[in-house]
Amino acid sequence: NNDNFKFLQNEKISIKKLGLKKWLIITLIKNNLYYLLYFAL
């Protein structure tokens, strides 16, 4: 949520453009699923 990365939460980018892994990371962050993100990584 700092200035360097918070902008990512407002970006609407498809899985096709990002790739599944990056799309999953940013989707979990956007939905505040930090515990799920932690255990996945």
PDB file of all heavy atoms in Angstrom:
ATOM      1  N   ASN A   1       0.801  -1.227   0.000  1.00  0.00           N
ATOM      2  CA  ASN A   1       0.000   0.000   0.000  1.00  0.00           C
ATOM      3  C   ASN A   1       0.831   1.272   0.000  1.00  0.00           C
ATOM      4  O   ASN A   1       0.273   2.366   0.168  1.00  0.00           O
ATOM      5  CB  ASN A   1      -0.948  -0.003   1.203  1.00  0.00           C
ATOM      6  CG  ASN A   1      -2.096  -0.979   1.029  1.00  0.00           C
ATOM      7  OD1 ASN A   1      -3.035  -0.716   0.297  1.00  0.00           O
ATOM      8  ND2 ASN A   1      -2.003  -2.127   1.680  1.00  0.00           N
ATOM      9  N   ASN A   2       2.161   1.155  -0.180  1.00  0.00           N
ATOM     10  CA  ASN A   2       2.932   2.393  -0.280  1.00  0.00           C
ATOM     11  C   ASN A   2       2.821   2.963  -1.692  1.00  0.00           C
ATOM     12  O   ASN A   2       2.235   2.353  -2.587  1.00  0.00           O
ATOM     13  CB  ASN A   2       4.379   2.191   0.181  1.00  0.00           C
ATOM     14  CG  ASN A   2       5.246   1.442  -0.827  1.00  0.00           C
ATOM     15  OD1 ASN A   2       4.893   1.267  -1.988  1.00  0.00           O
ATOM     16  ND2 ASN A   2       6.402   0.987  -0.374  1.00  0.00           N
ATOM     17  N   ASP A   3       3.372   4.136  -1.894  1.00  0.00           N
ATOM     18  CA  ASP A   3       3.179   4.851  -3.163  1.00  0.00           C
ATOM     19  C   ASP A   3       3.741   4.101  -4.370  1.00  0.00           C
ATOM     20  O   ASP A   3       3.266   4.276  -5.488  1.00  0.00           O
ATOM     21  CB  ASP A   3       3.821   6.244  -3.080  1.00  0.00           C
ATOM     22  CG  ASP A   3       3.074   7.172  -2.139  1.00  0.00           C
ATOM     23  OD1 ASP A   3       1.893   6.893  -1.864  1.00  0.00           O
ATOM     24  OD2 ASP A   3       3.665   8.164  -1.685  1.00  0.00           O
ATOM     25  N   ASN A   4       4.762   3.270  -4.146  1.00  0.00           N
ATOM     26  CA  ASN A   4       5.382   2.563  -5.264  1.00  0.00           C
ATOM     27  C   ASN A   4       4.505   1.461  -5.839  1.00  0.00           C
ATOM     28  O   ASN A   4       4.611   1.126  -7.019  1.00  0.00           O
ATOM     29  CB  ASN A   4       6.712   1.942  -4.826  1.00  0.00           C
ATOM     30  CG  ASN A   4       7.804   2.983  -4.704  1.00  0.00           C
ATOM     31  OD1 ASN A   4       7.813   3.964  -5.432  1.00  0.00           O
ATOM     32  ND2 ASN A   4       8.715   2.785  -3.774  1.00  0.00           N
ATOM     33  N   PHE A   5       3.640   0.864  -4.993  1.00  0.00           N
ATOM     34  CA  PHE A   5       2.887  -0.301  -5.430  1.00  0.00           C
ATOM     35  C   PHE A   5       1.369  -0.141  -5.362  1.00  0.00           C
ATOM     36  O   PHE A   5       0.648  -0.929  -5.975  1.00  0.00           O
ATOM     37  CB  PHE A   5       3.303  -1.521  -4.598  1.00  0.00           C
ATOM     38  CG  PHE A   5       4.761  -1.856  -4.706  1.00  0.00           C
ATOM     39  CD1 PHE A   5       5.630  -1.602  -3.663  1.00  0.00           C
ATOM     40  CD2 PHE A   5       5.269  -2.415  -5.870  1.00  0.00           C
ATOM     41  CE1 PHE A   5       6.982  -1.909  -3.764  1.00  0.00           C
ATOM     42  CE2 PHE A   5       6.615  -2.724  -5.987  1.00  0.00           C
ATOM     43  CZ  PHE A   5       7.479  -2.472  -4.934  1.00  0.00           C
ATOM     44  N   LYS A   6       0.896   0.869  -4.655  1.00  0.00           N
ATOM     45  CA  LYS A   6      -0.558   1.004  -4.488  1.00  0.00           C
ATOM     46  C   LYS A   6      -1.270   1.222  -5.819  1.00  0.00           C
ATOM     47  O   LYS A   6      -2.415   0.813  -6.003  1.00  0.00           O
ATOM     48  CB  LYS A   6      -0.854   2.165  -3.534  1.00  0.00           C
ATOM     49  CG  LYS A   6      -2.308   2.182  -3.062  1.00  0.00           C
ATOM     50  CD  LYS A   6      -2.528   3.191  -1.953  1.00  0.00           C
ATOM     51  CE  LYS A   6      -3.951   3.097  -1.443  1.00  0.00           C
ATOM     52  NZ  LYS A   6      -4.202   4.044  -0.328  1.00  0.00           N
ATOM     53  N   PHE A   7      -0.588   1.877  -6.774  1.00  0.00           N
ATOM     54  CA  PHE A   7      -1.203   2.141  -8.067  1.00  0.00           C
ATOM     55  C   PHE A   7      -1.625   0.854  -8.767  1.00  0.00           C
ATOM     56  O   PHE A   7      -2.552   0.842  -9.582  1.00  0.00           O
ATOM     57  CB  PHE A   7      -0.236   2.928  -8.963  1.00  0.00           C
ATOM     58  CG  PHE A   7       0.808   2.098  -9.649  1.00  0.00           C
ATOM     59  CD1 PHE A   7       0.629   1.678 -10.960  1.00  0.00           C
ATOM     60  CD2 PHE A   7       1.967   1.717  -8.992  1.00  0.00           C
ATOM     61  CE1 PHE A   7       1.585   0.908 -11.605  1.00  0.00           C
ATOM     62  CE2 PHE A   7       2.927   0.948  -9.625  1.00  0.00           C
ATOM     63  CZ  PHE A   7       2.737   0.534 -10.933  1.00  0.00           C
ATOM     64  N   LEU A   8      -0.973  -0.265  -8.444  1.00  0.00           N
ATOM     65  CA  LEU A   8      -1.294  -1.537  -9.080  1.00  0.00           C
ATOM     66  C   LEU A   8      -2.725  -1.975  -8.780  1.00  0.00           C
ATOM     67  O   LEU A   8      -3.366  -2.650  -9.581  1.00  0.00           O
ATOM     68  CB  LEU A   8      -0.325  -2.621  -8.604  1.00  0.00           C
ATOM     69  CG  LEU A   8       1.140  -2.467  -9.012  1.00  0.00           C
ATOM     70  CD1 LEU A   8       2.001  -3.477  -8.267  1.00  0.00           C
ATOM     71  CD2 LEU A   8       1.309  -2.623 -10.505  1.00  0.00           C
ATOM     72  N   GLN A   9      -3.238  -1.553  -7.619  1.00  0.00           N
ATOM     73  CA  GLN A   9      -4.571  -1.986  -7.208  1.00  0.00           C
ATOM     74  C   GLN A   9      -5.681  -1.329  -8.030  1.00  0.00           C
ATOM     75  O   GLN A   9      -6.829  -1.777  -7.998  1.00  0.00           O
ATOM     76  CB  GLN A   9      -4.765  -1.699  -5.719  1.00  0.00           C
ATOM     77  CG  GLN A   9      -3.767  -2.447  -4.842  1.00  0.00           C
ATOM     78  CD  GLN A   9      -3.935  -2.158  -3.370  1.00  0.00           C
ATOM     79  OE1 GLN A   9      -5.049  -1.994  -2.888  1.00  0.00           O
ATOM     80  NE2 GLN A   9      -2.828  -2.100  -2.637  1.00  0.00           N
ATOM     81  N   ASN A  10      -5.328  -0.290  -8.762  1.00  0.00           N
ATOM     82  CA  ASN A  10      -6.322   0.394  -9.604  1.00  0.00           C
ATOM     83  C   ASN A  10      -6.231  -0.012 -11.069  1.00  0.00           C
ATOM     84  O   ASN A  10      -7.007   0.462 -11.898  1.00  0.00           O
ATOM     85  CB  ASN A  10      -6.141   1.906  -9.487  1.00  0.00           C
ATOM     86  CG  ASN A  10      -6.365   2.414  -8.077  1.00  0.00           C
ATOM     87  OD1 ASN A  10      -7.271   1.959  -7.390  1.00  0.00           O
ATOM     88  ND2 ASN A  10      -5.523   3.339  -7.636  1.00  0.00           N
ATOM     89  N   GLU A  11      -5.247  -0.862 -11.377  1.00  0.00           N
ATOM     90  CA  GLU A  11      -5.054  -1.279 -12.762  1.00  0.00           C
ATOM     91  C   GLU A  11      -5.926  -2.488 -13.090  1.00  0.00           C
ATOM     92  O   GLU A  11      -5.990  -3.439 -12.322  1.00  0.00           O
ATOM     93  CB  GLU A  11      -3.582  -1.623 -13.017  1.00  0.00           C
ATOM     94  CG  GLU A  11      -2.631  -0.460 -12.842  1.00  0.00           C
ATOM     95  CD  GLU A  11      -2.863   0.641 -13.863  1.00  0.00           C
ATOM     96  OE1 GLU A  11      -3.360   0.341 -14.966  1.00  0.00           O
ATOM     97  OE2 GLU A  11      -2.535   1.799 -13.552  1.00  0.00           O
ATOM     98  N   LYS A  12      -6.599  -2.427 -14.212  1.00  0.00           N
ATOM     99  CA  LYS A  12      -7.435  -3.539 -14.672  1.00  0.00           C
ATOM    100  C   LYS A  12      -6.760  -4.187 -15.879  1.00  0.00           C
ATOM    101  O   LYS A  12      -6.908  -3.730 -17.000  1.00  0.00           O
ATOM    102  CB  LYS A  12      -8.827  -3.043 -15.020  1.00  0.00           C
ATOM    103  CG  LYS A  12      -9.584  -2.462 -13.824  1.00  0.00           C
ATOM    104  CD  LYS A  12     -10.961  -1.972 -14.226  1.00  0.00           C
ATOM    105  CE  LYS A  12     -11.695  -1.399 -13.019  1.00  0.00           C
ATOM    106  NZ  LYS A  12     -13.045  -0.892 -13.388  1.00  0.00           N
ATOM    107  N   ILE A  13      -6.021  -5.246 -15.596  1.00  0.00           N
ATOM    108  CA  ILE A  13      -5.248  -5.903 -16.641  1.00  0.00           C
ATOM    109  C   ILE A  13      -5.615  -7.381 -16.676  1.00  0.00           C
ATOM    110  O   ILE A  13      -5.734  -8.032 -15.637  1.00  0.00           O
ATOM    111  CB  ILE A  13      -3.739  -5.748 -16.395  1.00  0.00           C
ATOM    112  CG1 ILE A  13      -3.393  -4.282 -16.165  1.00  0.00           C
ATOM    113  CG2 ILE A  13      -2.937  -6.278 -17.574  1.00  0.00           C
ATOM    114  CD1 ILE A  13      -1.977  -4.052 -15.776  1.00  0.00           C
ATOM    115  N   SER A  14      -5.758  -7.914 -17.855  1.00  0.00           N
ATOM    116  CA  SER A  14      -6.215  -9.291 -18.029  1.00  0.00           C
ATOM    117  C   SER A  14      -5.114 -10.296 -17.718  1.00  0.00           C
ATOM    118  O   SER A  14      -3.929  -9.966 -17.707  1.00  0.00           O
ATOM    119  CB  SER A  14      -6.683  -9.499 -19.478  1.00  0.00           C
ATOM    120  OG  SER A  14      -5.587  -9.357 -20.363  1.00  0.00           O
ATOM    121  N   ILE A  15      -5.543 -11.539 -17.459  1.00  0.00           N
ATOM    122  CA  ILE A  15      -4.590 -12.630 -17.251  1.00  0.00           C
ATOM    123  C   ILE A  15      -3.706 -12.783 -18.483  1.00  0.00           C
ATOM    124  O   ILE A  15      -2.507 -13.044 -18.380  1.00  0.00           O
ATOM    125  CB  ILE A  15      -5.326 -13.963 -16.990  1.00  0.00           C
ATOM    126  CG1 ILE A  15      -6.154 -13.877 -15.709  1.00  0.00           C
ATOM    127  CG2 ILE A  15      -4.335 -15.119 -16.895  1.00  0.00           C
ATOM    128  CD1 ILE A  15      -6.941 -15.133 -15.426  1.00  0.00           C
ATOM    129  N   LYS A  16      -4.319 -12.599 -19.658  1.00  0.00           N
ATOM    130  CA  LYS A  16      -3.586 -12.772 -20.911  1.00  0.00           C
ATOM    131  C   LYS A  16      -2.389 -11.838 -20.981  1.00  0.00           C
ATOM    132  O   LYS A  16      -1.307 -12.225 -21.429  1.00  0.00           O
ATOM    133  CB  LYS A  16      -4.523 -12.524 -22.092  1.00  0.00           C
ATOM    134  CG  LYS A  16      -3.883 -12.788 -23.448  1.00  0.00           C
ATOM    135  CD  LYS A  16      -4.885 -12.589 -24.574  1.00  0.00           C
ATOM    136  CE  LYS A  16      -4.240 -12.849 -25.925  1.00  0.00           C
ATOM    137  NZ  LYS A  16      -5.195 -12.647 -27.042  1.00  0.00           N
ATOM    138  N   LYS A  17      -2.564 -10.588 -20.535  1.00  0.00           N
ATOM    139  CA  LYS A  17      -1.480  -9.605 -20.593  1.00  0.00           C
ATOM    140  C   LYS A  17      -0.461  -9.800 -19.482  1.00  0.00           C
ATOM    141  O   LYS A  17       0.740  -9.622 -19.684  1.00  0.00           O
ATOM    142  CB  LYS A  17      -2.048  -8.190 -20.551  1.00  0.00           C
ATOM    143  CG  LYS A  17      -2.746  -7.758 -21.827  1.00  0.00           C
ATOM    144  CD  LYS A  17      -3.166  -6.301 -21.749  1.00  0.00           C
ATOM    145  CE  LYS A  17      -3.781  -5.843 -23.060  1.00  0.00           C
ATOM    146  NZ  LYS A  17      -4.196  -4.423 -23.001  1.00  0.00           N
ATOM    147  N   LEU A  18      -0.934 -10.161 -18.300  1.00  0.00           N
ATOM    148  CA  LEU A  18      -0.037 -10.267 -17.145  1.00  0.00           C
ATOM    149  C   LEU A  18       0.588 -11.651 -16.995  1.00  0.00           C
ATOM    150  O   LEU A  18       1.709 -11.776 -16.491  1.00  0.00           O
ATOM    151  CB  LEU A  18      -0.793  -9.940 -15.858  1.00  0.00           C
ATOM    152  CG  LEU A  18      -0.991  -8.483 -15.488  1.00  0.00           C
ATOM    153  CD1 LEU A  18      -1.681  -8.391 -14.142  1.00  0.00           C
ATOM    154  CD2 LEU A  18       0.314  -7.717 -15.466  1.00  0.00           C
ATOM    155  N   GLY A  19      -0.120 -12.666 -17.411  1.00  0.00           N
ATOM    156  CA  GLY A  19       0.299 -14.022 -17.086  1.00  0.00           C
ATOM    157  C   GLY A  19      -0.363 -14.429 -15.774  1.00  0.00           C
ATOM    158  O   GLY A  19      -0.654 -13.581 -14.919  1.00  0.00           O
ATOM    159  N   LEU A  20      -0.623 -15.702 -15.602  1.00  0.00           N
ATOM    160  CA  LEU A  20      -1.405 -16.188 -14.465  1.00  0.00           C
ATOM    161  C   LEU A  20      -0.783 -15.831 -13.121  1.00  0.00           C
ATOM    162  O   LEU A  20      -1.473 -15.361 -12.210  1.00  0.00           O
ATOM    163  CB  LEU A  20      -1.582 -17.707 -14.560  1.00  0.00           C
ATOM    164  CG  LEU A  20      -2.336 -18.364 -13.396  1.00  0.00           C
ATOM    165  CD1 LEU A  20      -3.741 -17.788 -13.278  1.00  0.00           C
ATOM    166  CD2 LEU A  20      -2.378 -19.877 -13.579  1.00  0.00           C
ATOM    167  N   LYS A  21       0.533 -16.027 -12.952  1.00  0.00           N
ATOM    168  CA  LYS A  21       1.164 -15.811 -11.647  1.00  0.00           C
ATOM    169  C   LYS A  21       1.079 -14.354 -11.205  1.00  0.00           C
ATOM    170  O   LYS A  21       0.708 -14.059 -10.058  1.00  0.00           O
ATOM    171  CB  LYS A  21       2.624 -16.270 -11.695  1.00  0.00           C
ATOM    172  CG  LYS A  21       2.791 -17.772 -11.839  1.00  0.00           C
ATOM    173  CD  LYS A  21       4.261 -18.165 -11.885  1.00  0.00           C
ATOM    174  CE  LYS A  21       4.417 -19.672 -12.051  1.00  0.00           C
ATOM    175  NZ  LYS A  21       5.856 -20.064 -12.141  1.00  0.00           N
ATOM    176  N   LYS A  22       1.417 -13.433 -12.113  1.00  0.00           N
ATOM    177  CA  LYS A  22       1.360 -12.013 -11.754  1.00  0.00           C
ATOM    178  C   LYS A  22      -0.083 -11.562 -11.539  1.00  0.00           C
ATOM    179  O   LYS A  22      -0.369 -10.774 -10.633  1.00  0.00           O
ATOM    180  CB  LYS A  22       2.041 -11.158 -12.831  1.00  0.00           C
ATOM    181  CG  LYS A  22       3.553 -11.292 -12.876  1.00  0.00           C
ATOM    182  CD  LYS A  22       4.161 -10.366 -13.907  1.00  0.00           C
ATOM    183  CE  LYS A  22       5.683 -10.371 -13.842  1.00  0.00           C
ATOM    184  NZ  LYS A  22       6.269 -11.654 -14.182  1.00  0.00           N
ATOM    185  N   TRP A  23      -0.982 -12.050 -12.381  1.00  0.00           N
ATOM    186  CA  TRP A  23      -2.402 -11.699 -12.228  1.00  0.00           C
ATOM    187  C   TRP A  23      -2.921 -12.177 -10.882  1.00  0.00           C
ATOM    188  O   TRP A  23      -3.660 -11.462 -10.194  1.00  0.00           O
ATOM    189  CB  TRP A  23      -3.210 -12.324 -13.366  1.00  0.00           C
ATOM    190  CG  TRP A  23      -4.687 -12.037 -13.261  1.00  0.00           C
ATOM    191  CD1 TRP A  23      -5.355 -10.942 -13.735  1.00  0.00           C
ATOM    192  CD2 TRP A  23      -5.668 -12.866 -12.633  1.00  0.00           C
ATOM    193  NE1 TRP A  23      -6.691 -11.035 -13.438  1.00  0.00           N
ATOM    194  CE2 TRP A  23      -6.927 -12.209 -12.752  1.00  0.00           C
ATOM    195  CE3 TRP A  23      -5.620 -14.096 -11.978  1.00  0.00           C
ATOM    196  CZ2 TRP A  23      -8.100 -12.738 -12.253  1.00  0.00           C
ATOM    197  CZ3 TRP A  23      -6.804 -14.629 -11.466  1.00  0.00           C
ATOM    198  CH2 TRP A  23      -8.022 -13.961 -11.608  1.00  0.00           C
ATOM    199  N   LEU A  24      -2.525 -13.375 -10.465  1.00  0.00           N
ATOM    200  CA  LEU A  24      -2.985 -13.926  -9.190  1.00  0.00           C
ATOM    201  C   LEU A  24      -2.472 -13.097  -8.020  1.00  0.00           C
ATOM    202  O   LEU A  24      -3.223 -12.805  -7.074  1.00  0.00           O
ATOM    203  CB  LEU A  24      -2.512 -15.376  -9.061  1.00  0.00           C
ATOM    204  CG  LEU A  24      -2.967 -16.127  -7.804  1.00  0.00           C
ATOM    205  CD1 LEU A  24      -4.490 -16.178  -7.737  1.00  0.00           C
ATOM    206  CD2 LEU A  24      -2.375 -17.535  -7.779  1.00  0.00           C
ATOM    207  N   ILE A  25      -1.207 -12.700  -8.073  1.00  0.00           N
ATOM    208  CA  ILE A  25      -0.630 -11.886  -6.991  1.00  0.00           C
ATOM    209  C   ILE A  25      -1.397 -10.587  -6.829  1.00  0.00           C
ATOM    210  O   ILE A  25      -1.806 -10.225  -5.722  1.00  0.00           O
ATOM    211  CB  ILE A  25       0.864 -11.608  -7.262  1.00  0.00           C
ATOM    212  CG1 ILE A  25       1.698 -12.875  -7.076  1.00  0.00           C
ATOM    213  CG2 ILE A  25       1.392 -10.505  -6.328  1.00  0.00           C
ATOM    214  CD1 ILE A  25       3.135 -12.732  -7.510  1.00  0.00           C
ATOM    215  N   ILE A  26      -1.600  -9.870  -7.940  1.00  0.00           N
ATOM    216  CA  ILE A  26      -2.261  -8.569  -7.836  1.00  0.00           C
ATOM    217  C   ILE A  26      -3.739  -8.717  -7.491  1.00  0.00           C
ATOM    218  O   ILE A  26      -4.317  -7.870  -6.795  1.00  0.00           O
ATOM    219  CB  ILE A  26      -2.052  -7.747  -9.133  1.00  0.00           C
ATOM    220  CG1 ILE A  26      -2.254  -6.266  -8.866  1.00  0.00           C
ATOM    221  CG2 ILE A  26      -2.924  -8.227 -10.256  1.00  0.00           C
ATOM    222  CD1 ILE A  26      -1.304  -5.674  -7.852  1.00  0.00           C
ATOM    223  N   THR A  27      -4.374  -9.800  -7.920  1.00  0.00           N
ATOM    224  CA  THR A  27      -5.784 -10.036  -7.584  1.00  0.00           C
ATOM    225  C   THR A  27      -5.942 -10.295  -6.093  1.00  0.00           C
ATOM    226  O   THR A  27      -6.874  -9.779  -5.450  1.00  0.00           O
ATOM    227  CB  THR A  27      -6.338 -11.227  -8.391  1.00  0.00           C
ATOM    228  OG1 THR A  27      -6.261 -10.922  -9.784  1.00  0.00           O
ATOM    229  CG2 THR A  27      -7.798 -11.506  -8.029  1.00  0.00           C
ATOM    230  N   LEU A  28      -5.048 -11.076  -5.509  1.00  0.00           N
ATOM    231  CA  LEU A  28      -5.111 -11.336  -4.067  1.00  0.00           C
ATOM    232  C   LEU A  28      -4.888 -10.054  -3.270  1.00  0.00           C
ATOM    233  O   LEU A  28      -5.535  -9.822  -2.245  1.00  0.00           O
ATOM    234  CB  LEU A  28      -4.068 -12.393  -3.683  1.00  0.00           C
ATOM    235  CG  LEU A  28      -4.318 -13.813  -4.208  1.00  0.00           C
ATOM    236  CD1 LEU A  28      -3.136 -14.717  -3.885  1.00  0.00           C
ATOM    237  CD2 LEU A  28      -5.604 -14.385  -3.635  1.00  0.00           C
ATOM    238  N   ILE A  29      -3.969  -9.202  -3.750  1.00  0.00           N
ATOM    239  CA  ILE A  29      -3.717  -7.928  -3.071  1.00  0.00           C
ATOM    240  C   ILE A  29      -4.939  -7.014  -3.170  1.00  0.00           C
ATOM    241  O   ILE A  29      -5.357  -6.401  -2.180  1.00  0.00           O
ATOM    242  CB  ILE A  29      -2.473  -7.236  -3.667  1.00  0.00           C
ATOM    243  CG1 ILE A  29      -1.209  -8.023  -3.326  1.00  0.00           C
ATOM    244  CG2 ILE A  29      -2.355  -5.799  -3.144  1.00  0.00           C
ATOM    245  CD1 ILE A  29       0.040  -7.534  -4.032  1.00  0.00           C
ATOM    246  N   LYS A  30      -5.526  -6.919  -4.349  1.00  0.00           N
ATOM    247  CA  LYS A  30      -6.706  -6.063  -4.550  1.00  0.00           C
ATOM    248  C   LYS A  30      -7.853  -6.460  -3.632  1.00  0.00           C
ATOM    249  O   LYS A  30      -8.627  -5.607  -3.182  1.00  0.00           O
ATOM    250  CB  LYS A  30      -7.186  -6.157  -6.006  1.00  0.00           C
ATOM    251  CG  LYS A  30      -6.342  -5.399  -7.010  1.00  0.00           C
ATOM    252  CD  LYS A  30      -6.937  -5.545  -8.410  1.00  0.00           C
ATOM    253  CE  LYS A  30      -6.129  -4.775  -9.432  1.00  0.00           C
ATOM    254  NZ  LYS A  30      -6.711  -4.890 -10.791  1.00  0.00           N
ATOM    255  N   ASN A  31      -7.967  -7.756  -3.357  1.00  0.00           N
ATOM    256  CA  ASN A  31      -9.077  -8.262  -2.540  1.00  0.00           C
ATOM    257  C   ASN A  31      -8.695  -8.489  -1.081  1.00  0.00           C
ATOM    258  O   ASN A  31      -9.431  -9.146  -0.343  1.00  0.00           O
ATOM    259  CB  ASN A  31      -9.615  -9.558  -3.156  1.00  0.00           C
ATOM    260  CG  ASN A  31     -10.310  -9.326  -4.482  1.00  0.00           C
ATOM    261  OD1 ASN A  31     -11.456  -8.874  -4.525  1.00  0.00           O
ATOM    262  ND2 ASN A  31      -9.620  -9.613  -5.584  1.00  0.00           N
ATOM    263  N   ASN A  32      -7.525  -7.914  -0.694  1.00  0.00           N
ATOM    264  CA  ASN A  32      -7.059  -7.991   0.701  1.00  0.00           C
ATOM    265  C   ASN A  32      -6.916  -9.428   1.209  1.00  0.00           C
ATOM    266  O   ASN A  32      -7.084  -9.694   2.402  1.00  0.00           O
ATOM    267  CB  ASN A  32      -8.005  -7.212   1.632  1.00  0.00           C
ATOM    268  CG  ASN A  32      -7.996  -5.726   1.337  1.00  0.00           C
ATOM    269  OD1 ASN A  32      -6.930  -5.119   1.243  1.00  0.00           O
ATOM    270  ND2 ASN A  32      -9.170  -5.154   1.158  1.00  0.00           N
ATOM    271  N   LEU A  33      -6.583 -10.335   0.324  1.00  0.00           N
ATOM    272  CA  LEU A  33      -6.406 -11.737   0.713  1.00  0.00           C
ATOM    273  C   LEU A  33      -4.927 -11.994   1.006  1.00  0.00           C
ATOM    274  O   LEU A  33      -4.261 -12.820   0.368  1.00  0.00           O
ATOM    275  CB  LEU A  33      -6.922 -12.646  -0.394  1.00  0.00           C
ATOM    276  CG  LEU A  33      -8.416 -12.507  -0.706  1.00  0.00           C
ATOM    277  CD1 LEU A  33      -8.800 -13.310  -1.948  1.00  0.00           C
ATOM    278  CD2 LEU A  33      -9.258 -12.941   0.489  1.00  0.00           C
ATOM    279  N   TYR A  34      -4.418 -11.278   1.999  1.00  0.00           N
ATOM    280  CA  TYR A  34      -2.987 -11.295   2.275  1.00  0.00           C
ATOM    281  C   TYR A  34      -2.517 -12.617   2.879  1.00  0.00           C
ATOM    282  O   TYR A  34      -1.392 -13.049   2.617  1.00  0.00           O
ATOM    283  CB  TYR A  34      -2.616 -10.135   3.197  1.00  0.00           C
ATOM    284  CG  TYR A  34      -2.684  -8.794   2.501  1.00  0.00           C
ATOM    285  CD1 TYR A  34      -3.760  -7.931   2.698  1.00  0.00           C
ATOM    286  CD2 TYR A  34      -1.680  -8.404   1.616  1.00  0.00           C
ATOM    287  CE1 TYR A  34      -3.823  -6.708   2.042  1.00  0.00           C
ATOM    288  CE2 TYR A  34      -1.737  -7.187   0.962  1.00  0.00           C
ATOM    289  CZ  TYR A  34      -2.814  -6.343   1.175  1.00  0.00           C
ATOM    290  OH  TYR A  34      -2.879  -5.144   0.519  1.00  0.00           O
ATOM    291  N   TYR A  35      -3.370 -13.239   3.689  1.00  0.00           N
ATOM    292  CA  TYR A  35      -2.967 -14.526   4.266  1.00  0.00           C
ATOM    293  C   TYR A  35      -2.855 -15.591   3.173  1.00  0.00           C
ATOM    294  O   TYR A  35      -1.914 -16.394   3.158  1.00  0.00           O
ATOM    295  CB  TYR A  35      -3.977 -14.966   5.340  1.00  0.00           C
ATOM    296  CG  TYR A  35      -3.759 -14.289   6.667  1.00  0.00           C
ATOM    297  CD1 TYR A  35      -4.381 -13.085   6.964  1.00  0.00           C
ATOM    298  CD2 TYR A  35      -2.905 -14.853   7.627  1.00  0.00           C
ATOM    299  CE1 TYR A  35      -4.177 -12.449   8.176  1.00  0.00           C
ATOM    300  CE2 TYR A  35      -2.688 -14.235   8.850  1.00  0.00           C
ATOM    301  CZ  TYR A  35      -3.331 -13.022   9.111  1.00  0.00           C
ATOM    302  OH  TYR A  35      -3.106 -12.390  10.314  1.00  0.00           O
ATOM    303  N   LEU A  36      -3.805 -15.587   2.237  1.00  0.00           N
ATOM    304  CA  LEU A  36      -3.747 -16.531   1.127  1.00  0.00           C
ATOM    305  C   LEU A  36      -2.528 -16.254   0.255  1.00  0.00           C
ATOM    306  O   LEU A  36      -1.833 -17.183  -0.186  1.00  0.00           O
ATOM    307  CB  LEU A  36      -5.034 -16.417   0.296  1.00  0.00           C
ATOM    308  CG  LEU A  36      -5.218 -17.439  -0.829  1.00  0.00           C
ATOM    309  CD1 LEU A  36      -5.118 -18.858  -0.297  1.00  0.00           C
ATOM    310  CD2 LEU A  36      -6.557 -17.220  -1.528  1.00  0.00           C
ATOM    311  N   LEU A  37      -2.230 -14.980   0.025  1.00  0.00           N
ATOM    312  CA  LEU A  37      -1.045 -14.590  -0.740  1.00  0.00           C
ATOM    313  C   LEU A  37       0.220 -15.080  -0.043  1.00  0.00           C
ATOM    314  O   LEU A  37       1.133 -15.633  -0.680  1.00  0.00           O
ATOM    315  CB  LEU A  37      -1.004 -13.070  -0.904  1.00  0.00           C
ATOM    316  CG  LEU A  37       0.235 -12.472  -1.572  1.00  0.00           C
ATOM    317  CD1 LEU A  37       0.346 -12.940  -3.020  1.00  0.00           C
ATOM    318  CD2 LEU A  37       0.189 -10.947  -1.524  1.00  0.00           C
ATOM    319  N   TYR A  38       0.275 -14.890   1.273  1.00  0.00           N
ATOM    320  CA  TYR A  38       1.439 -15.305   2.056  1.00  0.00           C
ATOM    321  C   TYR A  38       1.694 -16.802   1.905  1.00  0.00           C
ATOM    322  O   TYR A  38       2.816 -17.225   1.609  1.00  0.00           O
ATOM    323  CB  TYR A  38       1.220 -14.958   3.531  1.00  0.00           C
ATOM    324  CG  TYR A  38       2.354 -15.388   4.434  1.00  0.00           C
ATOM    325  CD1 TYR A  38       3.397 -14.516   4.735  1.00  0.00           C
ATOM    326  CD2 TYR A  38       2.392 -16.676   4.984  1.00  0.00           C
ATOM    327  CE1 TYR A  38       4.452 -14.917   5.554  1.00  0.00           C
ATOM    328  CE2 TYR A  38       3.436 -17.081   5.795  1.00  0.00           C
ATOM    329  CZ  TYR A  38       4.467 -16.196   6.082  1.00  0.00           C
ATOM    330  OH  TYR A  38       5.494 -16.600   6.887  1.00  0.00           O
ATOM    331  N   PHE A  39       0.649 -17.617   2.079  1.00  0.00           N
ATOM    332  CA  PHE A  39       0.851 -19.058   2.050  1.00  0.00           C
ATOM    333  C   PHE A  39       1.120 -19.575   0.641  1.00  0.00           C
ATOM    334  O   PHE A  39       1.862 -20.549   0.459  1.00  0.00           O
ATOM    335  CB  PHE A  39      -0.345 -19.770   2.694  1.00  0.00           C
ATOM    336  CG  PHE A  39      -0.365 -19.642   4.191  1.00  0.00           C
ATOM    337  CD1 PHE A  39      -1.326 -18.873   4.825  1.00  0.00           C
ATOM    338  CD2 PHE A  39       0.619 -20.249   4.968  1.00  0.00           C
ATOM    339  CE1 PHE A  39      -1.322 -18.732   6.203  1.00  0.00           C
ATOM    340  CE2 PHE A  39       0.625 -20.118   6.346  1.00  0.00           C
ATOM    341  CZ  PHE A  39      -0.352 -19.355   6.971  1.00  0.00           C
ATOM    342  N   ALA A  40       0.581 -18.907  -0.366  1.00  0.00           N
ATOM    343  CA  ALA A  40       0.869 -19.292  -1.748  1.00  0.00           C
ATOM    344  C   ALA A  40       2.349 -19.078  -2.060  1.00  0.00           C
ATOM    345  O   ALA A  40       3.015 -19.949  -2.642  1.00  0.00           O
ATOM    346  CB  ALA A  40      -0.005 -18.487  -2.706  1.00  0.00           C
ATOM    347  N   LEU A  41       2.883 -17.926  -1.647  1.00  0.00           N
ATOM    348  CA  LEU A  41       4.301 -17.629  -1.888  1.00  0.00           C
ATOM    349  C   LEU A  41       5.206 -18.410  -0.936  1.00  0.00           C
ATOM    350  O   LEU A  41       6.353 -18.713  -1.271  1.00  0.00           O
ATOM    351  CB  LEU A  41       4.550 -16.131  -1.774  1.00  0.00           C
ATOM    352  CG  LEU A  41       3.901 -15.280  -2.877  1.00  0.00           C
ATOM    353  CD1 LEU A  41       4.218 -13.812  -2.689  1.00  0.00           C
ATOM    354  CD2 LEU A  41       4.355 -15.732  -4.257  1.00  0.00           C
TER     355      LEU A  41
END
